[in-house]
Amino acid sequence: MMEESTFSHLMILVAVIGLAGFIQFMEFINKRIMKDEK
């Protein structure tokens, strides 16, 4: 049980970090596009 719980928590942690990283990446791309338009 302990191993499954730790694994599920790890997967949630990875998902949250991945989502946050994806948002940061999208904002970075949007900023570059804005600069190119100007």
N, C-alpha and C. Protein backbone atom coordinates (compact mmCIF):
# COMPACT_ATOMS: atom_id res chain seq x y z
N MET A 1 0.83 -1.20 0.00
CA MET A 1 0.00 0.00 0.00
C MET A 1 0.87 1.26 0.00
N MET A 2 1.90 1.27 0.80
CA MET A 2 2.78 2.44 0.89
C MET A 2 3.40 2.76 -0.47
N GLU A 3 3.85 1.73 -1.18
CA GLU A 3 4.49 1.96 -2.47
C GLU A 3 3.51 2.55 -3.49
N GLU A 4 2.28 2.04 -3.51
CA GLU A 4 1.27 2.56 -4.44
C GLU A 4 0.93 4.00 -4.11
N SER A 5 0.82 4.32 -2.82
CA SER A 5 0.49 5.69 -2.40
C SER A 5 1.61 6.64 -2.82
N THR A 6 2.87 6.24 -2.57
CA THR A 6 4.01 7.08 -2.93
C THR A 6 4.05 7.28 -4.45
N PHE A 7 3.78 6.22 -5.19
CA PHE A 7 3.80 6.29 -6.66
C PHE A 7 2.73 7.24 -7.17
N SER A 8 1.52 7.15 -6.60
CA SER A 8 0.43 8.03 -7.04
C SER A 8 0.75 9.48 -6.73
N HIS A 9 1.34 9.72 -5.55
CA HIS A 9 1.73 11.09 -5.18
C HIS A 9 2.82 11.60 -6.14
N LEU A 10 3.75 10.72 -6.50
CA LEU A 10 4.84 11.09 -7.40
C LEU A 10 4.27 11.47 -8.77
N MET A 11 3.30 10.69 -9.25
CA MET A 11 2.68 10.97 -10.55
C MET A 11 1.97 12.31 -10.54
N ILE A 12 1.27 12.61 -9.43
CA ILE A 12 0.57 13.90 -9.30
C ILE A 12 1.59 15.03 -9.31
N LEU A 13 2.69 14.84 -8.60
CA LEU A 13 3.75 15.86 -8.52
C LEU A 13 4.32 16.12 -9.90
N VAL A 14 4.61 15.05 -10.64
CA VAL A 14 5.15 15.18 -12.00
C VAL A 14 4.16 15.90 -12.91
N ALA A 15 2.87 15.57 -12.76
CA ALA A 15 1.83 16.20 -13.59
C ALA A 15 1.75 17.69 -13.31
N VAL A 16 1.81 18.07 -12.03
CA VAL A 16 1.73 19.49 -11.64
C VAL A 16 2.94 20.25 -12.17
N ILE A 17 4.14 19.66 -11.99
CA ILE A 17 5.37 20.31 -12.47
C ILE A 17 5.34 20.44 -13.99
N GLY A 18 4.88 19.39 -14.66
CA GLY A 18 4.79 19.41 -16.12
C GLY A 18 3.83 20.49 -16.60
N LEU A 19 2.68 20.60 -15.92
CA LEU A 19 1.69 21.61 -16.29
C LEU A 19 2.25 23.01 -16.08
N ALA A 20 2.91 23.24 -14.95
CA ALA A 20 3.50 24.55 -14.65
C ALA A 20 4.57 24.89 -15.69
N GLY A 21 5.39 23.91 -16.03
CA GLY A 21 6.44 24.12 -17.02
C GLY A 21 5.85 24.44 -18.39
N PHE A 22 4.75 23.76 -18.73
CA PHE A 22 4.08 23.99 -20.01
C PHE A 22 3.53 25.41 -20.08
N ILE A 23 2.93 25.90 -18.97
CA ILE A 23 2.39 27.27 -18.91
C ILE A 23 3.53 28.27 -19.06
N GLN A 24 4.64 28.04 -18.38
CA GLN A 24 5.81 28.94 -18.48
C GLN A 24 6.30 28.97 -19.93
N PHE A 25 6.34 27.80 -20.56
CA PHE A 25 6.80 27.69 -21.95
C PHE A 25 5.88 28.46 -22.89
N MET A 26 4.56 28.33 -22.70
CA MET A 26 3.59 29.03 -23.54
C MET A 26 3.73 30.54 -23.38
N GLU A 27 3.94 31.01 -22.15
CA GLU A 27 4.11 32.45 -21.90
C GLU A 27 5.37 32.95 -22.59
N PHE A 28 6.44 32.14 -22.54
CA PHE A 28 7.71 32.50 -23.19
C PHE A 28 7.51 32.64 -24.70
N ILE A 29 6.80 31.69 -25.30
CA ILE A 29 6.53 31.72 -26.74
C ILE A 29 5.68 32.95 -27.08
N ASN A 30 4.66 33.23 -26.27
CA ASN A 30 3.79 34.38 -26.52
C ASN A 30 4.59 35.68 -26.46
N LYS A 31 5.51 35.79 -25.52
CA LYS A 31 6.34 36.99 -25.41
C LYS A 31 7.21 37.16 -26.65
N ARG A 32 7.77 36.07 -27.14
CA ARG A 32 8.61 36.13 -28.35
C ARG A 32 7.77 36.56 -29.55
N ILE A 33 6.54 36.04 -29.65
CA ILE A 33 5.65 36.40 -30.77
C ILE A 33 5.31 37.89 -30.69
N MET A 34 5.03 38.38 -29.49
CA MET A 34 4.71 39.80 -29.29
C MET A 34 5.87 40.67 -29.76
N LYS A 35 7.10 40.27 -29.39
CA LYS A 35 8.28 41.05 -29.79
C LYS A 35 8.44 41.03 -31.31
N ASP A 36 8.19 39.89 -31.93
CA ASP A 36 8.32 39.79 -33.39
C ASP A 36 7.29 40.68 -34.09
N GLU A 37 6.07 40.77 -33.55
CA GLU A 37 5.03 41.60 -34.16
C GLU A 37 5.40 43.07 -34.08
N LYS A 38 6.00 43.48 -32.97
CA LYS A 38 6.43 44.87 -32.82
C LYS A 38 7.69 45.09 -33.64
